Amino acid sequence: MHNPTQTAPETASVQRRSFLRTVGAAAVTGGILTACSTADLQVSPNGARAAAPGDVITLPGGDLGILNYAFVLEQLEATFYQMVLANPYSGMTAMEMQLFQDLRNHEVTHRAFYRTALGGAGIPDLTFDFSSINFRQRTDVMEASRMFAEVGTAAYTGGGKYLTDPQNLKVAGKIVSLEARHVAIIREMEYMNQTAFSGENIVMDGLFIKMEPSEVLPKAQKYILEKIDGRNLPTAVA
């Protein structure tokens, strides 16, 4: 069982420093919102540590817990888009291929960012099972892409309020703005020239999309072979 709370010196160190200062402002304002180069993608962004199917990954509390929670989702999305491109569906257009490459590059950047910033206090590499998604079918890929992007956006919006360090919140704000743009472009690909991109329900209701960690983790767990234990994460006071 992996429990980041057991690495007390590293955990305390990360808790004392802001997430932004851990890797430097340049990494956030520059690399995190731009695509990776081909060379970047050839290097394992998550380091050497890896979990094993069946392991229990216990997330800590406080800011560190929320950041690791976000890291779970970034690992999930990055791996998903890598699978999309490794198994392109029939009829994928050049434009769609380019857009999926952009989505992959963004998520791979986010994943690498969290791994570097969290260091030894971060969760290990997770193992994923996407067997419920038919990557050869465009409809399956689009539905899954939209679901992951919407859940990711809702997770940052719902979880960001628990961050106590303003700099950590600033980082989360940068990432969620990009996640929201992912939702928009995926909706446009899925429902070209229809209201799914900017219909009233999206423009109005979409501004308030948010989900608590307790709502998000079960959705992510479907695709993760390790058990993610989020009991230590902050929760809303009724």
C-alpha atoms as a PDB file:
ATOM      1  CA  MET A   1       0.000   0.000   0.000  1.00  0.00           C
ATOM      2  CA  HIS A   2       1.355   3.411  -0.888  1.00  0.00           C
ATOM      3  CA  ASN A   3       0.602   6.241   1.513  1.00  0.00           C
ATOM      4  CA  PRO A   4       2.206   9.656   0.829  1.00  0.00           C
ATOM      5  CA  THR A   5       1.490  10.673   4.403  1.00  0.00           C
ATOM      6  CA  GLN A   6       4.173   8.233   5.548  1.00  0.00           C
ATOM      7  CA  THR A   7       6.943  10.377   3.986  1.00  0.00           C
ATOM      8  CA  ALA A   8       6.743  12.947   6.750  1.00  0.00           C
ATOM      9  CA  PRO A   9       9.866  15.058   6.025  1.00  0.00           C
ATOM     10  CA  GLU A  10       9.064  15.357   2.318  1.00  0.00           C
ATOM     11  CA  THR A  11       5.404  16.012   2.978  1.00  0.00           C
ATOM     12  CA  ALA A  12       6.128  18.734   5.495  1.00  0.00           C
ATOM     13  CA  SER A  13       8.567  20.328   3.101  1.00  0.00           C
ATOM     14  CA  VAL A  14       6.038  20.444   0.279  1.00  0.00           C
ATOM     15  CA  GLN A  15       3.333  21.728   2.598  1.00  0.00           C
ATOM     16  CA  ARG A  16       5.578  24.599   3.708  1.00  0.00           C
ATOM     17  CA  ARG A  17       6.445  25.619   0.168  1.00  0.00           C
ATOM     18  CA  SER A  18       3.774  26.628  -2.285  1.00  0.00           C
ATOM     19  CA  PHE A  19       3.178  24.362  -5.227  1.00  0.00           C
ATOM     20  CA  LEU A  20       4.027  27.189  -7.598  1.00  0.00           C
ATOM     21  CA  ARG A  21       7.389  27.937  -5.999  1.00  0.00           C
ATOM     22  CA  THR A  22       8.336  24.244  -5.977  1.00  0.00           C
ATOM     23  CA  VAL A  23       8.920  24.244  -9.705  1.00  0.00           C
ATOM     24  CA  GLY A  24       9.235  27.950 -10.376  1.00  0.00           C
ATOM     25  CA  ALA A  25       6.840  30.406 -11.959  1.00  0.00           C
ATOM     26  CA  ALA A  26       8.373  29.942 -15.404  1.00  0.00           C
ATOM     27  CA  ALA A  27       7.313  26.308 -15.543  1.00  0.00           C
ATOM     28  CA  VAL A  28       3.710  27.304 -14.940  1.00  0.00           C
ATOM     29  CA  THR A  29       3.369  30.395 -17.089  1.00  0.00           C
ATOM     30  CA  GLY A  30       5.462  28.975 -19.890  1.00  0.00           C
ATOM     31  CA  GLY A  31       5.422  25.199 -20.237  1.00  0.00           C
ATOM     32  CA  ILE A  32       2.124  24.270 -18.650  1.00  0.00           C
ATOM     33  CA  LEU A  33      -0.079  26.091 -21.154  1.00  0.00           C
ATOM     34  CA  THR A  34       1.891  25.157 -24.259  1.00  0.00           C
ATOM     35  CA  ALA A  35       2.345  21.906 -26.103  1.00  0.00           C
ATOM     36  CA  CYS A  36       5.283  19.606 -25.413  1.00  0.00           C
ATOM     37  CA  SER A  37       7.902  19.050 -28.059  1.00  0.00           C
ATOM     38  CA  THR A  38       8.331  15.635 -29.634  1.00  0.00           C
ATOM     39  CA  ALA A  39      11.479  15.175 -27.564  1.00  0.00           C
ATOM     40  CA  ASP A  40       9.540  15.832 -24.370  1.00  0.00           C
ATOM     41  CA  LEU A  41       7.091  13.078 -25.230  1.00  0.00           C
ATOM     42  CA  GLN A  42       9.868  10.535 -25.654  1.00  0.00           C
ATOM     43  CA  VAL A  43      10.849  10.844 -22.008  1.00  0.00           C
ATOM     44  CA  SER A  44       8.770   9.195 -19.303  1.00  0.00           C
ATOM     45  CA  PRO A  45       7.136  12.202 -17.598  1.00  0.00           C
ATOM     46  CA  ASN A  46       6.218  10.326 -14.434  1.00  0.00           C
ATOM     47  CA  GLY A  47       9.596   9.070 -13.304  1.00  0.00           C
ATOM     48  CA  ALA A  48      10.460   5.508 -12.355  1.00  0.00           C
ATOM     49  CA  ARG A  49       8.070   4.859  -9.480  1.00  0.00           C
ATOM     50  CA  ALA A  50       4.998   2.832 -10.315  1.00  0.00           C
ATOM     51  CA  ALA A  51       2.098   1.372  -8.411  1.00  0.00           C
ATOM     52  CA  ALA A  52       0.718  -2.116  -9.015  1.00  0.00           C
ATOM     53  CA  PRO A  53      -2.874  -3.133  -9.740  1.00  0.00           C
ATOM     54  CA  GLY A  54      -4.694  -3.668  -6.463  1.00  0.00           C
ATOM     55  CA  ASP A  55      -2.523  -1.283  -4.458  1.00  0.00           C
ATOM     56  CA  VAL A  56      -4.328   1.232  -2.261  1.00  0.00           C
ATOM     57  CA  ILE A  57      -3.213   4.808  -2.942  1.00  0.00           C
ATOM     58  CA  THR A  58      -4.110   6.904   0.093  1.00  0.00           C
ATOM     59  CA  LEU A  59      -4.276  10.604  -0.661  1.00  0.00           C
ATOM     60  CA  PRO A  60      -3.205  12.944   2.160  1.00  0.00           C
ATOM     61  CA  GLY A  61      -5.175  15.919   3.425  1.00  0.00           C
ATOM     62  CA  GLY A  62      -4.742  19.646   2.918  1.00  0.00           C
ATOM     63  CA  ASP A  63      -3.260  21.265  -0.165  1.00  0.00           C
ATOM     64  CA  LEU A  64      -1.029  18.264  -0.760  1.00  0.00           C
ATOM     65  CA  GLY A  65      -4.045  15.996  -0.938  1.00  0.00           C
ATOM     66  CA  ILE A  66      -5.856  18.213  -3.449  1.00  0.00           C
ATOM     67  CA  LEU A  67      -2.741  18.451  -5.625  1.00  0.00           C
ATOM     68  CA  ASN A  68      -2.334  14.667  -5.623  1.00  0.00           C
ATOM     69  CA  TYR A  69      -6.047  14.351  -6.384  1.00  0.00           C
ATOM     70  CA  ALA A  70      -5.518  16.561  -9.437  1.00  0.00           C
ATOM     71  CA  PHE A  71      -2.480  14.464 -10.339  1.00  0.00           C
ATOM     72  CA  VAL A  72      -4.673  11.341 -10.436  1.00  0.00           C
ATOM     73  CA  LEU A  73      -6.878  13.001 -13.044  1.00  0.00           C
ATOM     74  CA  GLU A  74      -3.982  14.333 -15.093  1.00  0.00           C
ATOM     75  CA  GLN A  75      -2.437  10.866 -15.253  1.00  0.00           C
ATOM     76  CA  LEU A  76      -5.775   9.482 -16.390  1.00  0.00           C
ATOM     77  CA  GLU A  77      -6.310  12.055 -19.134  1.00  0.00           C
ATOM     78  CA  ALA A  78      -2.732  11.955 -20.416  1.00  0.00           C
ATOM     79  CA  THR A  79      -2.795   8.176 -20.750  1.00  0.00           C
ATOM     80  CA  PHE A  80      -6.208   8.241 -22.408  1.00  0.00           C
ATOM     81  CA  TYR A  81      -5.109  10.629 -25.151  1.00  0.00           C
ATOM     82  CA  GLN A  82      -1.945   8.636 -25.712  1.00  0.00           C
ATOM     83  CA  MET A  83      -4.200   5.616 -26.280  1.00  0.00           C
ATOM     84  CA  VAL A  84      -6.407   7.585 -28.688  1.00  0.00           C
ATOM     85  CA  LEU A  85      -3.425   8.424 -30.864  1.00  0.00           C
ATOM     86  CA  ALA A  86      -1.939   4.939 -30.616  1.00  0.00           C
ATOM     87  CA  ASN A  87      -5.276   3.475 -31.790  1.00  0.00           C
ATOM     88  CA  PRO A  88      -6.790   6.052 -34.161  1.00  0.00           C
ATOM     89  CA  TYR A  89     -10.389   5.366 -35.078  1.00  0.00           C
ATOM     90  CA  SER A  90     -11.371   4.799 -38.687  1.00  0.00           C
ATOM     91  CA  GLY A  91     -11.856   8.022 -40.574  1.00  0.00           C
ATOM     92  CA  MET A  92      -9.969  10.266 -38.136  1.00  0.00           C
ATOM     93  CA  THR A  93      -9.328  13.429 -40.125  1.00  0.00           C
ATOM     94  CA  ALA A  94      -6.049  15.326 -40.208  1.00  0.00           C
ATOM     95  CA  MET A  95      -7.685  18.121 -38.216  1.00  0.00           C
ATOM     96  CA  GLU A  96      -8.948  15.704 -35.567  1.00  0.00           C
ATOM     97  CA  MET A  97      -5.540  14.062 -35.367  1.00  0.00           C
ATOM     98  CA  GLN A  98      -3.908  17.449 -34.791  1.00  0.00           C
ATOM     99  CA  LEU A  99      -6.438  18.411 -32.128  1.00  0.00           C
ATOM    100  CA  PHE A 100      -5.989  15.114 -30.289  1.00  0.00           C
ATOM    101  CA  GLN A 101      -2.225  15.634 -30.448  1.00  0.00           C
ATOM    102  CA  ASP A 102      -2.708  19.064 -28.864  1.00  0.00           C
ATOM    103  CA  LEU A 103      -4.933  17.600 -26.145  1.00  0.00           C
ATOM    104  CA  ARG A 104      -2.409  14.854 -25.469  1.00  0.00           C
ATOM    105  CA  ASN A 105       0.462  17.317 -25.315  1.00  0.00           C
ATOM    106  CA  HIS A 106      -1.369  19.538 -22.832  1.00  0.00           C
ATOM    107  CA  GLU A 107      -2.241  16.622 -20.548  1.00  0.00           C
ATOM    108  CA  VAL A 108       1.241  15.111 -20.769  1.00  0.00           C
ATOM    109  CA  THR A 109       2.614  18.524 -19.769  1.00  0.00           C
ATOM    110  CA  HIS A 110       0.239  18.697 -16.797  1.00  0.00           C
ATOM    111  CA  ARG A 111       1.192  15.182 -15.732  1.00  0.00           C
ATOM    112  CA  ALA A 112       4.905  15.928 -15.915  1.00  0.00           C
ATOM    113  CA  PHE A 113       4.362  19.201 -14.067  1.00  0.00           C
ATOM    114  CA  TYR A 114       2.680  17.531 -11.100  1.00  0.00           C
ATOM    115  CA  ARG A 115       5.251  14.752 -10.969  1.00  0.00           C
ATOM    116  CA  THR A 116       8.114  17.246 -10.866  1.00  0.00           C
ATOM    117  CA  ALA A 117       6.424  19.580  -8.396  1.00  0.00           C
ATOM    118  CA  LEU A 118       5.260  16.922  -5.939  1.00  0.00           C
ATOM    119  CA  GLY A 119       8.414  14.833  -6.093  1.00  0.00           C
ATOM    120  CA  GLY A 120       8.563  12.193  -3.367  1.00  0.00           C
ATOM    121  CA  ALA A 121       5.299  13.450  -1.869  1.00  0.00           C
ATOM    122  CA  GLY A 122       3.390  12.586  -5.025  1.00  0.00           C
ATOM    123  CA  ILE A 123       1.494   9.430  -5.790  1.00  0.00           C
ATOM    124  CA  PRO A 124       3.256   6.887  -8.048  1.00  0.00           C
ATOM    125  CA  ASP A 125       2.411   6.085 -11.658  1.00  0.00           C
ATOM    126  CA  LEU A 126      -1.031   4.528 -11.870  1.00  0.00           C
ATOM    127  CA  THR A 127      -2.234   1.603 -13.982  1.00  0.00           C
ATOM    128  CA  PHE A 128      -5.234   2.165 -16.236  1.00  0.00           C
ATOM    129  CA  ASP A 129      -7.836  -0.031 -17.885  1.00  0.00           C
ATOM    130  CA  PHE A 130      -9.667   1.558 -20.820  1.00  0.00           C
ATOM    131  CA  SER A 131     -11.129  -1.718 -22.082  1.00  0.00           C
ATOM    132  CA  SER A 132     -14.664  -0.312 -21.790  1.00  0.00           C
ATOM    133  CA  ILE A 133     -13.818   2.225 -24.511  1.00  0.00           C
ATOM    134  CA  ASN A 134     -13.713   1.125 -28.142  1.00  0.00           C
ATOM    135  CA  PHE A 135     -10.885   3.267 -29.477  1.00  0.00           C
ATOM    136  CA  ARG A 136     -11.720   2.191 -33.037  1.00  0.00           C
ATOM    137  CA  GLN A 137     -15.133   3.856 -32.825  1.00  0.00           C
ATOM    138  CA  ARG A 138     -15.272   7.643 -33.173  1.00  0.00           C
ATOM    139  CA  THR A 139     -18.429   7.939 -31.067  1.00  0.00           C
ATOM    140  CA  ASP A 140     -16.828   6.064 -28.162  1.00  0.00           C
ATOM    141  CA  VAL A 141     -13.688   8.186 -28.271  1.00  0.00           C
ATOM    142  CA  MET A 142     -15.608  11.465 -28.479  1.00  0.00           C
ATOM    143  CA  GLU A 143     -17.933  10.521 -25.624  1.00  0.00           C
ATOM    144  CA  ALA A 144     -15.019   9.495 -23.426  1.00  0.00           C
ATOM    145  CA  SER A 145     -12.999  12.588 -24.361  1.00  0.00           C
ATOM    146  CA  ARG A 146     -15.864  14.890 -23.459  1.00  0.00           C
ATOM    147  CA  MET A 147     -16.549  13.034 -20.208  1.00  0.00           C
ATOM    148  CA  PHE A 148     -12.919  13.185 -19.077  1.00  0.00           C
ATOM    149  CA  ALA A 149     -12.617  16.866 -19.966  1.00  0.00           C
ATOM    150  CA  GLU A 150     -15.883  17.800 -18.250  1.00  0.00           C
ATOM    151  CA  VAL A 151     -15.076  15.810 -15.117  1.00  0.00           C
ATOM    152  CA  GLY A 152     -11.590  17.320 -15.024  1.00  0.00           C
ATOM    153  CA  THR A 153     -12.976  20.835 -15.285  1.00  0.00           C
ATOM    154  CA  ALA A 154     -15.603  20.149 -12.633  1.00  0.00           C
ATOM    155  CA  ALA A 155     -12.971  18.598 -10.360  1.00  0.00           C
ATOM    156  CA  TYR A 156     -10.719  21.653 -10.445  1.00  0.00           C
ATOM    157  CA  THR A 157     -13.669  23.993  -9.944  1.00  0.00           C
ATOM    158  CA  GLY A 158     -15.049  21.948  -7.054  1.00  0.00           C
ATOM    159  CA  GLY A 159     -11.707  21.136  -5.432  1.00  0.00           C
ATOM    160  CA  GLY A 160      -9.935  24.458  -5.880  1.00  0.00           C
ATOM    161  CA  LYS A 161     -11.785  26.068  -3.002  1.00  0.00           C
ATOM    162  CA  TYR A 162      -9.981  23.760  -0.583  1.00  0.00           C
ATOM    163  CA  LEU A 163      -6.528  25.065  -1.507  1.00  0.00           C
ATOM    164  CA  THR A 164      -5.228  27.330   1.243  1.00  0.00           C
ATOM    165  CA  ASP A 165      -2.091  28.669  -0.452  1.00  0.00           C
ATOM    166  CA  PRO A 166      -3.008  31.443  -2.941  1.00  0.00           C
ATOM    167  CA  GLN A 167      -0.166  30.382  -5.218  1.00  0.00           C
ATOM    168  CA  ASN A 168      -1.514  26.834  -5.381  1.00  0.00           C
ATOM    169  CA  LEU A 169      -4.911  28.255  -6.267  1.00  0.00           C
ATOM    170  CA  LYS A 170      -3.291  30.326  -9.003  1.00  0.00           C
ATOM    171  CA  VAL A 171      -1.812  27.211 -10.560  1.00  0.00           C
ATOM    172  CA  ALA A 172      -5.143  25.380 -10.393  1.00  0.00           C
ATOM    173  CA  GLY A 173      -6.819  28.367 -12.041  1.00  0.00           C
ATOM    174  CA  LYS A 174      -4.396  28.243 -14.949  1.00  0.00           C
ATOM    175  CA  ILE A 175      -4.977  24.539 -15.492  1.00  0.00           C
ATOM    176  CA  VAL A 176      -8.775  24.634 -15.201  1.00  0.00           C
ATOM    177  CA  SER A 177      -8.960  27.383 -17.817  1.00  0.00           C
ATOM    178  CA  LEU A 178      -7.258  25.041 -20.261  1.00  0.00           C
ATOM    179  CA  GLU A 179      -9.414  22.086 -19.235  1.00  0.00           C
ATOM    180  CA  ALA A 180     -12.507  24.175 -19.992  1.00  0.00           C
ATOM    181  CA  ARG A 181     -11.146  24.959 -23.435  1.00  0.00           C
ATOM    182  CA  HIS A 182     -10.675  21.241 -23.969  1.00  0.00           C
ATOM    183  CA  VAL A 183     -14.373  20.728 -23.275  1.00  0.00           C
ATOM    184  CA  ALA A 184     -15.252  23.358 -25.876  1.00  0.00           C
ATOM    185  CA  ILE A 185     -13.113  21.938 -28.662  1.00  0.00           C
ATOM    186  CA  ILE A 186     -14.184  18.350 -27.972  1.00  0.00           C
ATOM    187  CA  ARG A 187     -17.835  19.385 -28.088  1.00  0.00           C
ATOM    188  CA  GLU A 188     -17.233  21.129 -31.394  1.00  0.00           C
ATOM    189  CA  MET A 189     -15.585  18.015 -32.837  1.00  0.00           C
ATOM    190  CA  GLU A 190     -18.346  15.784 -31.535  1.00  0.00           C
ATOM    191  CA  TYR A 191     -21.249  18.002 -32.602  1.00  0.00           C
ATOM    192  CA  MET A 192     -19.891  20.116 -35.433  1.00  0.00           C
ATOM    193  CA  ASN A 193     -21.855  23.327 -36.061  1.00  0.00           C
ATOM    194  CA  GLN A 194     -24.470  22.500 -33.424  1.00  0.00           C
ATOM    195  CA  THR A 195     -25.376  24.114 -30.105  1.00  0.00           C
ATOM    196  CA  ALA A 196     -23.278  21.707 -28.016  1.00  0.00           C
ATOM    197  CA  PHE A 197     -20.335  24.085 -28.341  1.00  0.00           C
ATOM    198  CA  SER A 198     -21.996  27.286 -27.162  1.00  0.00           C
ATOM    199  CA  GLY A 199     -25.648  26.580 -26.510  1.00  0.00           C
ATOM    200  CA  GLU A 200     -27.420  28.335 -23.656  1.00  0.00           C
ATOM    201  CA  ASN A 201     -27.025  25.377 -21.318  1.00  0.00           C
ATOM    202  CA  ILE A 202     -23.274  25.430 -21.909  1.00  0.00           C
ATOM    203  CA  VAL A 203     -22.702  29.174 -21.761  1.00  0.00           C
ATOM    204  CA  MET A 204     -24.834  29.647 -18.653  1.00  0.00           C
ATOM    205  CA  ASP A 205     -24.907  26.373 -16.716  1.00  0.00           C
ATOM    206  CA  GLY A 206     -21.398  25.448 -17.812  1.00  0.00           C
ATOM    207  CA  LEU A 207     -19.973  28.432 -15.975  1.00  0.00           C
ATOM    208  CA  PHE A 208     -20.906  26.771 -12.712  1.00  0.00           C
ATOM    209  CA  ILE A 209     -19.877  23.182 -13.402  1.00  0.00           C
ATOM    210  CA  LYS A 210     -18.213  21.755 -10.309  1.00  0.00           C
ATOM    211  CA  MET A 211     -17.946  18.452  -8.486  1.00  0.00           C
ATOM    212  CA  GLU A 212     -16.656  17.424  -5.090  1.00  0.00           C
ATOM    213  CA  PRO A 213     -13.762  14.926  -4.879  1.00  0.00           C
ATOM    214  CA  SER A 214     -16.221  12.374  -3.505  1.00  0.00           C
ATOM    215  CA  GLU A 215     -18.184  12.670  -6.765  1.00  0.00           C
ATOM    216  CA  VAL A 216     -15.184  12.675  -9.087  1.00  0.00           C
ATOM    217  CA  LEU A 217     -13.112   9.810  -7.714  1.00  0.00           C
ATOM    218  CA  PRO A 218     -15.742   7.095  -8.370  1.00  0.00           C
ATOM    219  CA  LYS A 219     -15.914   8.237 -12.005  1.00  0.00           C
ATOM    220  CA  ALA A 220     -12.142   8.044 -12.340  1.00  0.00           C
ATOM    221  CA  GLN A 221     -11.880   4.802 -10.370  1.00  0.00           C
ATOM    222  CA  LYS A 222     -13.662   2.921 -13.166  1.00  0.00           C
ATOM    223  CA  TYR A 223     -10.494   3.220 -15.234  1.00  0.00           C
ATOM    224  CA  ILE A 224      -7.851   2.845 -12.494  1.00  0.00           C
ATOM    225  CA  LEU A 225      -6.638  -0.566 -11.324  1.00  0.00           C
ATOM    226  CA  GLU A 226      -5.259   0.770  -8.051  1.00  0.00           C
ATOM    227  CA  LYS A 227      -7.728   1.797  -5.348  1.00  0.00           C
ATOM    228  CA  ILE A 228      -7.723   5.567  -4.759  1.00  0.00           C
ATOM    229  CA  ASP A 229      -8.559   6.330  -1.128  1.00  0.00           C
ATOM    230  CA  GLY A 230      -9.692   9.946  -0.802  1.00  0.00           C
ATOM    231  CA  ARG A 231     -10.991   9.866   2.759  1.00  0.00           C
ATOM    232  CA  ASN A 232      -8.386  12.403   3.927  1.00  0.00           C
ATOM    233  CA  LEU A 233      -9.303  15.014   1.313  1.00  0.00           C
ATOM    234  CA  PRO A 234     -11.027  18.191   2.518  1.00  0.00           C
ATOM    235  CA  THR A 235     -14.806  18.162   2.301  1.00  0.00           C
ATOM    236  CA  ALA A 236     -17.460  20.823   2.230  1.00  0.00           C
ATOM    237  CA  VAL A 237     -19.051  21.686   5.560  1.00  0.00           C
ATOM    238  CA  ALA A 238     -22.804  21.169   5.405  1.00  0.00           C
END
